[in-house]
PDB file of N, CA and C in Angstrom:
ATOM      1  N   MET A   1     269.122  74.220 -39.993  1.00  0.00           N
ATOM      2  CA  MET A   1     268.115  73.193 -39.952  1.00  0.00           C
ATOM      3  C   MET A   1     268.525  72.156 -41.226  1.00  0.00           C
ATOM      4  N   ASP A   2     268.467  70.965 -40.936  1.00  0.00           N
ATOM      5  CA  ASP A   2     268.753  69.925 -42.068  1.00  0.00           C
ATOM      6  C   ASP A   2     267.795  69.920 -43.140  1.00  0.00           C
ATOM      7  N   PHE A   3     268.198  69.740 -44.221  1.00  0.00           N
ATOM      8  CA  PHE A   3     267.520  69.712 -45.445  1.00  0.00           C
ATOM      9  C   PHE A   3     266.213  68.761 -45.475  1.00  0.00           C
ATOM     10  N   ARG A   4     266.562  67.665 -44.829  1.00  0.00           N
ATOM     11  CA  ARG A   4     265.425  66.597 -44.813  1.00  0.00           C
ATOM     12  C   ARG A   4     264.284  67.000 -43.988  1.00  0.00           C
ATOM     13  N   LEU A   5     264.653  67.604 -42.782  1.00  0.00           N
ATOM     14  CA  LEU A   5     263.719  68.168 -41.838  1.00  0.00           C
ATOM     15  C   LEU A   5     262.783  69.155 -42.554  1.00  0.00           C
ATOM     16  N   LYS A   6     263.559  70.156 -43.182  1.00  0.00           N
ATOM     17  CA  LYS A   6     262.783  71.212 -43.813  1.00  0.00           C
ATOM     18  C   LYS A   6     261.880  70.620 -44.881  1.00  0.00           C
ATOM     19  N   LEU A   7     262.304  69.838 -45.525  1.00  0.00           N
ATOM     20  CA  LEU A   7     261.658  68.992 -46.767  1.00  0.00           C
ATOM     21  C   LEU A   7     260.272  68.294 -46.107  1.00  0.00           C
ATOM     22  N   PHE A   8     260.584  67.610 -44.905  1.00  0.00           N
ATOM     23  CA  PHE A   8     259.314  67.109 -44.393  1.00  0.00           C
ATOM     24  C   PHE A   8     258.399  67.956 -43.861  1.00  0.00           C
ATOM     25  N   ILE A   9     258.747  69.112 -43.257  1.00  0.00           N
ATOM     26  CA  ILE A   9     257.823  70.121 -42.679  1.00  0.00           C
ATOM     27  C   ILE A   9     257.128  70.669 -43.781  1.00  0.00           C
ATOM     28  N   LEU A  10     257.844  71.006 -45.003  1.00  0.00           N
ATOM     29  CA  LEU A  10     257.096  71.391 -46.142  1.00  0.00           C
ATOM     30  C   LEU A  10     255.985  70.550 -46.589  1.00  0.00           C
ATOM     31  N   VAL A  11     256.429  69.213 -46.968  1.00  0.00           N
ATOM     32  CA  VAL A  11     255.440  68.170 -47.244  1.00  0.00           C
ATOM     33  C   VAL A  11     254.354  68.179 -46.281  1.00  0.00           C
ATOM     34  N   LEU A  12     254.589  68.031 -45.039  1.00  0.00           N
ATOM     35  CA  LEU A  12     253.511  68.105 -44.189  1.00  0.00           C
ATOM     36  C   LEU A  12     252.525  69.295 -44.117  1.00  0.00           C
ATOM     37  N   ALA A  13     253.123  70.475 -44.306  1.00  0.00           N
ATOM     38  CA  ALA A  13     252.201  71.750 -44.649  1.00  0.00           C
ATOM     39  C   ALA A  13     251.326  71.540 -45.790  1.00  0.00           C
ATOM     40  N   VAL A  14     252.099  71.193 -46.879  1.00  0.00           N
ATOM     41  CA  VAL A  14     251.223  70.919 -48.110  1.00  0.00           C
ATOM     42  C   VAL A  14     250.052  70.049 -47.933  1.00  0.00           C
ATOM     43  N   ILE A  15     250.384  68.704 -47.406  1.00  0.00           N
ATOM     44  CA  ILE A  15     249.253  67.783 -47.114  1.00  0.00           C
ATOM     45  C   ILE A  15     248.208  68.469 -46.313  1.00  0.00           C
ATOM     46  N   SER A  16     248.540  69.221 -45.216  1.00  0.00           N
ATOM     47  CA  SER A  16     247.627  69.560 -44.199  1.00  0.00           C
ATOM     48  C   SER A  16     246.862  70.707 -44.925  1.00  0.00           C
ATOM     49  N   LEU A  17     247.205  71.701 -45.696  1.00  0.00           N
ATOM     50  CA  LEU A  17     246.506  72.690 -46.511  1.00  0.00           C
ATOM     51  C   LEU A  17     245.544  72.037 -47.570  1.00  0.00           C
ATOM     52  N   GLU A  18     246.179  70.982 -48.107  1.00  0.00           N
ATOM     53  CA  GLU A  18     245.177  70.253 -49.116  1.00  0.00           C
ATOM     54  C   GLU A  18     244.074  69.571 -48.494  1.00  0.00           C
ATOM     55  N   GLY A  19     244.208  69.024 -47.311  1.00  0.00           N
ATOM     56  CA  GLY A  19     243.163  68.456 -46.495  1.00  0.00           C
ATOM     57  C   GLY A  19     242.068  69.393 -46.132  1.00  0.00           C
ATOM     58  N   LEU A  20     242.791  70.737 -45.509  1.00  0.00           N
ATOM     59  CA  LEU A  20     241.653  71.685 -45.125  1.00  0.00           C
ATOM     60  C   LEU A  20     240.911  72.254 -46.310  1.00  0.00           C
ATOM     61  N   ALA A  21     241.636  72.366 -47.490  1.00  0.00           N
ATOM     62  CA  ALA A  21     240.925  72.813 -48.621  1.00  0.00           C
ATOM     63  C   ALA A  21     239.850  71.838 -48.998  1.00  0.00           C
ATOM     64  N   ILE A  22     240.141  70.662 -49.238  1.00  0.00           N
ATOM     65  CA  ILE A  22     239.126  69.692 -49.550  1.00  0.00           C
ATOM     66  C   ILE A  22     238.014  69.627 -48.654  1.00  0.00           C
ATOM     67  N   PHE A  23     238.262  69.710 -47.287  1.00  0.00           N
ATOM     68  CA  PHE A  23     237.088  69.711 -46.427  1.00  0.00           C
ATOM     69  C   PHE A  23     236.321  71.018 -46.561  1.00  0.00           C
ATOM     70  N   TRP A  24     236.931  72.197 -46.775  1.00  0.00           N
ATOM     71  CA  TRP A  24     236.177  73.271 -46.904  1.00  0.00           C
ATOM     72  C   TRP A  24     235.354  73.406 -48.163  1.00  0.00           C
ATOM     73  N   PHE A  25     236.020  73.087 -49.318  1.00  0.00           N
ATOM     74  CA  PHE A  25     235.083  73.209 -50.488  1.00  0.00           C
ATOM     75  C   PHE A  25     234.055  72.141 -50.721  1.00  0.00           C
ATOM     76  N   ASN A  26     234.143  70.970 -50.027  1.00  0.00           N
ATOM     77  CA  ASN A  26     233.062  69.907 -50.006  1.00  0.00           C
ATOM     78  C   ASN A  26     231.960  69.968 -48.855  1.00  0.00           C
ATOM     79  N   LYS A  27     232.218  70.958 -48.050  1.00  0.00           N
ATOM     80  CA  LYS A  27     231.408  71.126 -47.083  1.00  0.00           C
ATOM     81  C   LYS A  27     229.783  71.121 -47.454  1.00  0.00           C
ATOM     82  N   GLU A  28     229.485  71.826 -48.357  1.00  0.00           N
ATOM     83  CA  GLU A  28     228.102  72.124 -48.885  1.00  0.00           C
ATOM     84  C   GLU A  28     227.701  70.801 -49.466  1.00  0.00           C
ATOM     85  N   GLN A  29     228.563  70.035 -50.129  1.00  0.00           N
ATOM     86  CA  GLN A  29     228.187  68.794 -50.905  1.00  0.00           C
ATOM     87  C   GLN A  29     227.904  67.594 -50.021  1.00  0.00           C
ATOM     88  N   ARG A  30     228.165  67.578 -48.701  1.00  0.00           N
ATOM     89  CA  ARG A  30     227.870  66.576 -47.779  1.00  0.00           C
ATOM     90  C   ARG A  30     226.493  66.408 -47.676  1.00  0.00           C
ATOM     91  N   GLY A  31     225.701  67.433 -47.681  1.00  0.00           N
ATOM     92  CA  GLY A  31     224.283  67.526 -47.433  1.00  0.00           C
ATOM     93  C   GLY A  31     223.827  67.113 -46.078  1.00  0.00           C
ATOM     94  N   TYR A  32     222.677  66.880 -45.945  1.00  0.00           N
ATOM     95  CA  TYR A  32     221.990  66.547 -44.801  1.00  0.00           C
ATOM     96  C   TYR A  32     222.349  65.188 -44.226  1.00  0.00           C
ATOM     97  N   GLN A  33     222.764  65.088 -43.034  1.00  0.00           N
ATOM     98  CA  GLN A  33     222.973  63.790 -42.448  1.00  0.00           C
ATOM     99  C   GLN A  33     222.094  63.411 -41.277  1.00  0.00           C
ATOM    100  N   SER A  34     221.272  62.498 -41.445  1.00  0.00           N
ATOM    101  CA  SER A  34     220.177  62.065 -40.277  1.00  0.00           C
ATOM    102  C   SER A  34     221.059  61.611 -38.898  1.00  0.00           C
ATOM    103  N   GLY A  35     220.561  61.895 -37.902  1.00  0.00           N
ATOM    104  CA  GLY A  35     221.079  61.525 -36.541  1.00  0.00           C
ATOM    105  C   GLY A  35     222.032  62.484 -35.940  1.00  0.00           C
ATOM    106  N   LEU A  36     222.432  63.651 -36.641  1.00  0.00           N
ATOM    107  CA  LEU A  36     223.177  64.582 -36.160  1.00  0.00           C
ATOM    108  C   LEU A  36     222.610  65.500 -35.030  1.00  0.00           C
ATOM    109  N   SER A  37     221.335  65.761 -35.383  1.00  0.00           N
ATOM    110  CA  SER A  37     220.362  66.715 -34.600  1.00  0.00           C
ATOM    111  C   SER A  37     218.962  66.372 -34.640  1.00  0.00           C
ATOM    112  N   GLN A  38     218.440  66.101 -33.493  1.00  0.00           N
ATOM    113  CA  GLN A  38     217.065  65.613 -33.146  1.00  0.00           C
ATOM    114  C   GLN A  38     216.087  66.628 -33.799  1.00  0.00           C
ATOM    115  N   GLU A  39     216.574  67.983 -33.645  1.00  0.00           N
ATOM    116  CA  GLU A  39     215.506  68.982 -34.111  1.00  0.00           C
ATOM    117  C   GLU A  39     215.564  68.945 -35.656  1.00  0.00           C
ATOM    118  N   ALA A  40     216.848  68.923 -36.167  1.00  0.00           N
ATOM    119  CA  ALA A  40     216.876  69.128 -37.698  1.00  0.00           C
ATOM    120  C   ALA A  40     216.050  67.731 -38.353  1.00  0.00           C
ATOM    121  N   ASP A  41     216.244  66.582 -37.623  1.00  0.00           N
ATOM    122  CA  ASP A  41     215.582  65.292 -38.076  1.00  0.00           C
ATOM    123  C   ASP A  41     214.066  65.550 -37.944  1.00  0.00           C
ATOM    124  N   ARG A  42     213.729  66.056 -37.034  1.00  0.00           N
ATOM    125  CA  ARG A  42     212.265  66.366 -36.700  1.00  0.00           C
ATOM    126  C   ARG A  42     211.781  67.270 -37.902  1.00  0.00           C
ATOM    127  N   ALA A  43     212.514  68.399 -38.074  1.00  0.00           N
ATOM    128  CA  ALA A  43     212.151  69.284 -39.242  1.00  0.00           C
ATOM    129  C   ALA A  43     212.005  68.661 -40.583  1.00  0.00           C
ATOM    130  N   VAL A  44     213.061  67.928 -40.879  1.00  0.00           N
ATOM    131  CA  VAL A  44     213.229  67.084 -42.264  1.00  0.00           C
ATOM    132  C   VAL A  44     212.055  66.107 -42.355  1.00  0.00           C
ATOM    133  N   ASN A  45     211.722  65.361 -41.384  1.00  0.00           N
ATOM    134  CA  ASN A  45     210.630  64.666 -41.382  1.00  0.00           C
ATOM    135  C   ASN A  45     209.436  65.195 -41.678  1.00  0.00           C
ATOM    136  N   GLN A  46     209.077  66.295 -41.066  1.00  0.00           N
ATOM    137  CA  GLN A  46     207.811  66.964 -41.049  1.00  0.00           C
ATOM    138  C   GLN A  46     207.715  67.639 -42.547  1.00  0.00           C
ATOM    139  N   ALA A  47     208.974  68.138 -43.005  1.00  0.00           N
ATOM    140  CA  ALA A  47     208.904  68.800 -44.268  1.00  0.00           C
ATOM    141  C   ALA A  47     208.671  67.753 -45.272  1.00  0.00           C
ATOM    142  N   LEU A  48     209.138  66.499 -45.216  1.00  0.00           N
ATOM    143  CA  LEU A  48     208.741  65.351 -46.201  1.00  0.00           C
ATOM    144  C   LEU A  48     207.367  64.815 -46.271  1.00  0.00           C
ATOM    145  N   VAL A  49     206.767  65.084 -44.947  1.00  0.00           N
ATOM    146  CA  VAL A  49     205.280  64.698 -44.778  1.00  0.00           C
ATOM    147  C   VAL A  49     204.586  65.628 -45.504  1.00  0.00           C
ATOM    148  N   LEU A  50     204.961  67.059 -45.432  1.00  0.00           N
ATOM    149  CA  LEU A  50     204.103  68.066 -46.195  1.00  0.00           C
ATOM    150  C   LEU A  50     204.502  67.912 -47.515  1.00  0.00           C
ATOM    151  N   PHE A  51     205.644  67.661 -47.952  1.00  0.00           N
ATOM    152  CA  PHE A  51     205.681  67.453 -49.393  1.00  0.00           C
ATOM    153  C   PHE A  51     205.020  66.303 -49.910  1.00  0.00           C
ATOM    154  N   ARG A  52     204.845  65.238 -49.552  1.00  0.00           N
ATOM    155  CA  ARG A  52     204.211  64.176 -49.993  1.00  0.00           C
ATOM    156  C   ARG A  52     202.588  64.492 -49.854  1.00  0.00           C
ATOM    157  N   GLU A  53     202.091  65.085 -48.821  1.00  0.00           N
ATOM    158  CA  GLU A  53     200.658  65.599 -48.909  1.00  0.00           C
ATOM    159  C   GLU A  53     200.479  66.624 -50.058  1.00  0.00           C
ATOM    160  N   SER A  54     201.451  67.663 -50.122  1.00  0.00           N
ATOM    161  CA  SER A  54     201.146  68.539 -51.166  1.00  0.00           C
ATOM    162  C   SER A  54     201.240  67.792 -52.686  1.00  0.00           C
ATOM    163  N   LYS A  55     201.990  66.881 -52.625  1.00  0.00           N
ATOM    164  CA  LYS A  55     201.858  66.120 -54.078  1.00  0.00           C
ATOM    165  C   LYS A  55     200.647  65.251 -54.192  1.00  0.00           C
ATOM    166  N   ARG A  56     200.036  64.762 -53.033  1.00  0.00           N
ATOM    167  CA  ARG A  56     198.841  64.063 -53.271  1.00  0.00           C
ATOM    168  C   ARG A  56     197.676  65.022 -53.563  1.00  0.00           C
ATOM    169  N   ASN A  57     197.898  66.261 -53.068  1.00  0.00           N
ATOM    170  CA  ASN A  57     196.725  67.231 -53.300  1.00  0.00           C
ATOM    171  C   ASN A  57     196.836  67.878 -54.618  1.00  0.00           C
ATOM    172  N   ASN A  58     197.974  67.690 -55.342  1.00  0.00           N
ATOM    173  CA  ASN A  58     198.124  68.090 -56.673  1.00  0.00           C
ATOM    174  C   ASN A  58     198.518  69.578 -56.607  1.00  0.00           C
ATOM    175  N   MET A  59     199.401  69.946 -55.485  1.00  0.00           N
ATOM    176  CA  MET A  59     199.803  71.302 -55.476  1.00  0.00           C
ATOM    177  C   MET A  59     200.907  71.549 -56.465  1.00  0.00           C
ATOM    178  N   ASP A  60     200.909  72.585 -57.094  1.00  0.00           N
ATOM    179  CA  ASP A  60     201.960  73.025 -58.016  1.00  0.00           C
ATOM    180  C   ASP A  60     203.118  73.459 -57.256  1.00  0.00           C
ATOM    181  N   LEU A  61     204.208  72.712 -57.364  1.00  0.00           N
ATOM    182  CA  LEU A  61     205.421  73.154 -56.540  1.00  0.00           C
ATOM    183  C   LEU A  61     206.538  73.570 -57.637  1.00  0.00           C
ATOM    184  N   THR A  62     206.233  73.617 -58.812  1.00  0.00           N
ATOM    185  CA  THR A  62     207.295  73.946 -59.892  1.00  0.00           C
ATOM    186  C   THR A  62     207.909  75.267 -59.818  1.00  0.00           C
ATOM    187  N   GLY A  63     207.227  76.230 -59.185  1.00  0.00           N
ATOM    188  CA  GLY A  63     207.720  77.721 -58.958  1.00  0.00           C
ATOM    189  C   GLY A  63     208.510  77.825 -57.912  1.00  0.00           C
ATOM    190  N   GLY A  64     208.698  76.810 -56.974  1.00  0.00           N
ATOM    191  CA  GLY A  64     209.485  76.791 -55.763  1.00  0.00           C
ATOM    192  C   GLY A  64     208.949  77.402 -54.736  1.00  0.00           C
ATOM    193  N   PRO A  65     207.641  77.310 -54.283  1.00  0.00           N
ATOM    194  CA  PRO A  65     207.164  78.094 -53.230  1.00  0.00           C
ATOM    195  C   PRO A  65     207.684  77.544 -51.831  1.00  0.00           C
ATOM    196  N   CYS A  66     207.250  78.510 -50.810  1.00  0.00           N
ATOM    197  CA  CYS A  66     207.535  78.104 -49.630  1.00  0.00           C
ATOM    198  C   CYS A  66     206.485  77.077 -49.219  1.00  0.00           C
ATOM    199  N   LEU A  67     206.890  75.902 -48.718  1.00  0.00           N
ATOM    200  CA  LEU A  67     206.301  74.732 -48.369  1.00  0.00           C
ATOM    201  C   LEU A  67     205.411  74.945 -46.948  1.00  0.00           C
ATOM    202  N   SER A  68     206.175  75.588 -45.998  1.00  0.00           N
ATOM    203  CA  SER A  68     205.578  75.747 -44.599  1.00  0.00           C
ATOM    204  C   SER A  68     206.329  76.920 -44.137  1.00  0.00           C
ATOM    205  N   ASP A  69     205.865  77.978 -43.480  1.00  0.00           N
ATOM    206  CA  ASP A  69     206.408  79.035 -42.934  1.00  0.00           C
ATOM    207  C   ASP A  69     206.666  78.871 -41.409  1.00  0.00           C
ATOM    208  N   ALA A  70     205.798  77.727 -41.006  1.00  0.00           N
ATOM    209  CA  ALA A  70     206.032  77.466 -39.485  1.00  0.00           C
ATOM    210  C   ALA A  70     206.172  75.708 -39.332  1.00  0.00           C
ATOM    211  N   LEU A  71     207.024  75.286 -39.874  1.00  0.00           N
ATOM    212  CA  LEU A  71     207.165  73.876 -39.829  1.00  0.00           C
ATOM    213  C   LEU A  71     207.347  73.314 -38.611  1.00  0.00           C
ATOM    214  N   ILE A  72     208.298  73.649 -37.689  1.00  0.00           N
ATOM    215  CA  ILE A  72     208.297  73.456 -36.372  1.00  0.00           C
ATOM    216  C   ILE A  72     208.923  74.716 -35.977  1.00  0.00           C
ATOM    217  N   PRO A  73     208.761  75.077 -34.516  1.00  0.00           N
ATOM    218  CA  PRO A  73     209.317  76.437 -33.957  1.00  0.00           C
ATOM    219  C   PRO A  73     210.849  76.769 -34.353  1.00  0.00           C
ATOM    220  N   GLY A  74     210.927  77.834 -35.348  1.00  0.00           N
ATOM    221  CA  GLY A  74     212.232  78.265 -35.652  1.00  0.00           C
ATOM    222  C   GLY A  74     212.596  77.670 -37.035  1.00  0.00           C
ATOM    223  N   TRP A  75     211.810  76.836 -37.770  1.00  0.00           N
ATOM    224  CA  TRP A  75     212.040  76.162 -39.008  1.00  0.00           C
ATOM    225  C   TRP A  75     210.927  76.507 -39.978  1.00  0.00           C
ATOM    226  N   VAL A  76     211.454  76.607 -41.243  1.00  0.00           N
ATOM    227  CA  VAL A  76     210.556  76.591 -42.495  1.00  0.00           C
ATOM    228  C   VAL A  76     210.970  75.648 -43.395  1.00  0.00           C
ATOM    229  N   ALA A  77     210.001  75.302 -44.303  1.00  0.00           N
ATOM    230  CA  ALA A  77     210.371  74.322 -45.396  1.00  0.00           C
ATOM    231  C   ALA A  77     210.181  74.938 -46.649  1.00  0.00           C
ATOM    232  N   ASP A  78     211.057  74.881 -47.653  1.00  0.00           N
ATOM    233  CA  ASP A  78     211.133  75.589 -49.133  1.00  0.00           C
ATOM    234  C   ASP A  78     211.320  74.619 -50.132  1.00  0.00           C
ATOM    235  N   ILE A  79     210.634  74.787 -51.282  1.00  0.00           N
ATOM    236  CA  ILE A  79     210.908  73.899 -52.379  1.00  0.00           C
ATOM    237  C   ILE A  79     211.859  74.662 -53.367  1.00  0.00           C
ATOM    238  N   VAL A  80     212.740  74.085 -53.751  1.00  0.00           N
ATOM    239  CA  VAL A  80     214.012  74.601 -54.679  1.00  0.00           C
ATOM    240  C   VAL A  80     214.025  73.703 -55.762  1.00  0.00           C
ATOM    241  N   HIS A  81     214.716  74.177 -56.864  1.00  0.00           N
ATOM    242  CA  HIS A  81     214.992  73.561 -58.063  1.00  0.00           C
ATOM    243  C   HIS A  81     216.308  72.900 -57.908  1.00  0.00           C
ATOM    244  N   LYS A  82     216.640  71.782 -58.549  1.00  0.00           N
ATOM    245  CA  LYS A  82     218.087  71.236 -58.668  1.00  0.00           C
ATOM    246  C   LYS A  82     218.376  71.085 -59.903  1.00  0.00           C
ATOM    247  N   PRO A  83     219.382  71.797 -60.550  1.00  0.00           N
ATOM    248  CA  PRO A  83     220.191  72.744 -59.836  1.00  0.00           C
ATOM    249  C   PRO A  83     219.422  73.943 -59.458  1.00  0.00           C
ATOM    250  N   ARG A  84     219.868  74.895 -58.459  1.00  0.00           N
ATOM    251  CA  ARG A  84     219.181  75.964 -58.048  1.00  0.00           C
ATOM    252  C   ARG A  84     218.950  76.938 -59.189  1.00  0.00           C
ATOM    253  N   SER A  85     217.567  77.512 -59.206  1.00  0.00           N
ATOM    254  CA  SER A  85     217.150  78.328 -60.270  1.00  0.00           C
ATOM    255  C   SER A  85     217.068  79.783 -59.499  1.00  0.00           C
ATOM    256  N   SER A  86     216.992  80.736 -60.569  1.00  0.00           N
ATOM    257  CA  SER A  86     217.000  82.348 -60.091  1.00  0.00           C
ATOM    258  C   SER A  86     215.501  82.505 -59.421  1.00  0.00           C
ATOM    259  N   VAL A  87     214.707  81.646 -59.770  1.00  0.00           N
ATOM    260  CA  VAL A  87     213.323  81.851 -59.085  1.00  0.00           C
ATOM    261  C   VAL A  87     213.411  81.266 -57.660  1.00  0.00           C
ATOM    262  N   ASP A  88     214.231  80.539 -57.245  1.00  0.00           N
ATOM    263  CA  ASP A  88     214.390  80.073 -55.924  1.00  0.00           C
ATOM    264  C   ASP A  88     214.696  81.228 -55.043  1.00  0.00           C
ATOM    265  N   ASN A  89     215.404  82.318 -55.589  1.00  0.00           N
ATOM    266  CA  ASN A  89     215.992  83.517 -54.816  1.00  0.00           C
ATOM    267  C   ASN A  89     215.026  84.494 -54.768  1.00  0.00           C
ATOM    268  N   LEU A  90     213.758  84.496 -55.397  1.00  0.00           N
ATOM    269  CA  LEU A  90     212.934  85.530 -55.395  1.00  0.00           C
ATOM    270  C   LEU A  90     212.181  85.485 -53.991  1.00  0.00           C
ATOM    271  N   PRO A  91     211.964  86.835 -53.394  1.00  0.00           N
ATOM    272  CA  PRO A  91     211.336  86.722 -51.911  1.00  0.00           C
ATOM    273  C   PRO A  91     209.933  85.974 -51.917  1.00  0.00           C
ATOM    274  N   GLU A  92     209.117  86.323 -52.977  1.00  0.00           N
ATOM    275  CA  GLU A  92     207.985  85.505 -53.117  1.00  0.00           C
ATOM    276  C   GLU A  92     207.862  84.210 -53.117  1.00  0.00           C
ATOM    277  N   ASN A  93     209.064  83.648 -53.288  1.00  0.00           N
ATOM    278  CA  ASN A  93     209.063  82.114 -53.397  1.00  0.00           C
ATOM    279  C   ASN A  93     209.867  81.688 -52.083  1.00  0.00           C
ATOM    280  N   GLN A  94     210.205  82.415 -51.081  1.00  0.00           N
ATOM    281  CA  GLN A  94     210.627  82.112 -49.898  1.00  0.00           C
ATOM    282  C   GLN A  94     209.824  82.451 -48.759  1.00  0.00           C
ATOM    283  N   CYS A  95     210.185  81.559 -47.624  1.00  0.00           N
ATOM    284  CA  CYS A  95     209.264  81.735 -46.631  1.00  0.00           C
ATOM    285  C   CYS A  95     209.463  83.059 -45.795  1.00  0.00           C
ATOM    286  N   PRO A  96     208.402  83.773 -45.779  1.00  0.00           N
ATOM    287  CA  PRO A  96     208.486  85.112 -44.944  1.00  0.00           C
ATOM    288  C   PRO A  96     209.110  85.095 -43.589  1.00  0.00           C
ATOM    289  N   SER A  97     208.823  84.125 -42.779  1.00  0.00           N
ATOM    290  CA  SER A  97     209.332  84.263 -41.513  1.00  0.00           C
ATOM    291  C   SER A  97     210.796  84.156 -41.435  1.00  0.00           C
ATOM    292  N   TYR A  98     211.392  83.201 -42.493  1.00  0.00           N
ATOM    293  CA  TYR A  98     212.985  83.068 -42.523  1.00  0.00           C
ATOM    294  C   TYR A  98     213.342  84.604 -43.192  1.00  0.00           C
ATOM    295  N   LEU A  99     212.850  85.161 -43.956  1.00  0.00           N
ATOM    296  CA  LEU A  99     213.193  86.541 -44.557  1.00  0.00           C
ATOM    297  C   LEU A  99     213.111  87.396 -43.544  1.00  0.00           C
ATOM    298  N   GLN A 100     212.412  87.525 -42.646  1.00  0.00           N
ATOM    299  CA  GLN A 100     212.124  88.498 -41.489  1.00  0.00           C
ATOM    300  C   GLN A 100     213.053  88.060 -40.327  1.00  0.00           C
ATOM    301  N   GLY A 101     213.610  86.947 -40.360  1.00  0.00           N
ATOM    302  CA  GLY A 101     214.556  86.507 -39.318  1.00  0.00           C
ATOM    303  C   GLY A 101     213.791  85.983 -38.138  1.00  0.00           C
ATOM    304  N   SER A 102     212.452  85.676 -38.165  1.00  0.00           N
ATOM    305  CA  SER A 102     211.816  85.076 -37.079  1.00  0.00           C
ATOM    306  C   SER A 102     211.944  83.571 -37.069  1.00  0.00           C
ATOM    307  N   SER A 103     212.398  82.898 -38.047  1.00  0.00           N
ATOM    308  CA  SER A 103     212.808  81.635 -38.112  1.00  0.00           C
ATOM    309  C   SER A 103     214.189  81.582 -38.609  1.00  0.00           C
ATOM    310  N   LYS A 104     214.958  80.798 -38.082  1.00  0.00           N
ATOM    311  CA  LYS A 104     216.489  80.869 -38.155  1.00  0.00           C
ATOM    312  C   LYS A 104     216.917  79.705 -39.069  1.00  0.00           C
ATOM    313  N   HIS A 105     216.175  78.552 -39.331  1.00  0.00           N
ATOM    314  CA  HIS A 105     216.583  77.474 -39.892  1.00  0.00           C
ATOM    315  C   HIS A 105     215.438  77.033 -41.109  1.00  0.00           C
ATOM    316  N   PHE A 106     216.106  76.413 -41.959  1.00  0.00           N
ATOM    317  CA  PHE A 106     215.163  75.854 -43.125  1.00  0.00           C
ATOM    318  C   PHE A 106     215.609  74.481 -43.664  1.00  0.00           C
ATOM    319  N   VAL A 107     214.703  74.025 -44.182  1.00  0.00           N
ATOM    320  CA  VAL A 107     214.886  72.571 -44.939  1.00  0.00           C
ATOM    321  C   VAL A 107     214.577  72.883 -46.373  1.00  0.00           C
ATOM    322  N   GLU A 108     215.198  72.675 -47.274  1.00  0.00           N
ATOM    323  CA  GLU A 108     215.034  72.897 -48.703  1.00  0.00           C
ATOM    324  C   GLU A 108     214.897  71.460 -49.330  1.00  0.00           C
ATOM    325  N   ILE A 109     213.799  71.387 -50.277  1.00  0.00           N
ATOM    326  CA  ILE A 109     213.519  70.145 -50.817  1.00  0.00           C
ATOM    327  C   ILE A 109     213.137  70.378 -52.266  1.00  0.00           C
ATOM    328  N   ASP A 110     213.814  69.429 -53.118  1.00  0.00           N
ATOM    329  CA  ASP A 110     213.696  69.750 -54.664  1.00  0.00           C
ATOM    330  C   ASP A 110     212.266  69.435 -55.084  1.00  0.00           C
ATOM    331  N   THR A 111     211.877  69.594 -56.203  1.00  0.00           N
ATOM    332  CA  THR A 111     210.585  69.414 -56.795  1.00  0.00           C
ATOM    333  C   THR A 111     210.204  67.949 -56.862  1.00  0.00           C
ATOM    334  N   GLU A 112     211.382  67.161 -56.587  1.00  0.00           N
ATOM    335  CA  GLU A 112     211.174  65.562 -56.630  1.00  0.00           C
ATOM    336  C   GLU A 112     210.862  65.055 -55.120  1.00  0.00           C
ATOM    337  N   GLY A 113     211.198  65.813 -54.214  1.00  0.00           N
ATOM    338  CA  GLY A 113     211.156  65.218 -52.827  1.00  0.00           C
ATOM    339  C   GLY A 113     212.390  64.935 -52.261  1.00  0.00           C
ATOM    340  N   ALA A 114     213.571  65.296 -52.974  1.00  0.00           N
ATOM    341  CA  ALA A 114     214.888  65.072 -52.331  1.00  0.00           C
ATOM    342  C   ALA A 114     215.545  66.146 -51.459  1.00  0.00           C
ATOM    343  N   VAL A 115     215.777  65.798 -50.449  1.00  0.00           N
ATOM    344  CA  VAL A 115     216.256  67.021 -49.209  1.00  0.00           C
ATOM    345  C   VAL A 115     217.674  67.518 -49.894  1.00  0.00           C
ATOM    346  N   ILE A 116     217.536  68.885 -50.084  1.00  0.00           N
ATOM    347  CA  ILE A 116     218.824  69.577 -50.813  1.00  0.00           C
ATOM    348  C   ILE A 116     219.778  70.181 -49.862  1.00  0.00           C
ATOM    349  N   ARG A 117     219.077  70.836 -48.882  1.00  0.00           N
ATOM    350  CA  ARG A 117     219.911  71.564 -47.631  1.00  0.00           C
ATOM    351  C   ARG A 117     219.114  71.717 -46.558  1.00  0.00           C
ATOM    352  N   VAL A 118     219.669  71.615 -45.357  1.00  0.00           N
ATOM    353  CA  VAL A 118     219.195  71.673 -44.071  1.00  0.00           C
ATOM    354  C   VAL A 118     220.219  72.641 -43.323  1.00  0.00           C
ATOM    355  N   ARG A 119     219.610  73.634 -42.882  1.00  0.00           N
ATOM    356  CA  ARG A 119     220.571  74.763 -42.133  1.00  0.00           C
ATOM    357  C   ARG A 119     219.922  75.351 -41.070  1.00  0.00           C
TER     358      ARG A 119
END
């Protein structure tokens, strides 16, 4: 095989692997994007309504509590810290239906009302 062809294939492989690595490692940083799923959009909107209502009612959200264990069918809303704190991983601060597996999806909102993660 010609040296230039081998070099071209090697460069192409390196560029492809680098692109895959960038995509893989930045996957979590892209965050929530509205418009990709009507169900997720509905869950996020409902979670934000509950968050604002909780703030108006002076609910203490600093401990990272479960905001709603039945946001919409199959979804929960959880308050987390940014950056994530060890208290966010405590079972008592997570939604029971998610821990038990009856809810498969969650919306995480930080204590300031920013959407952190939707899954």
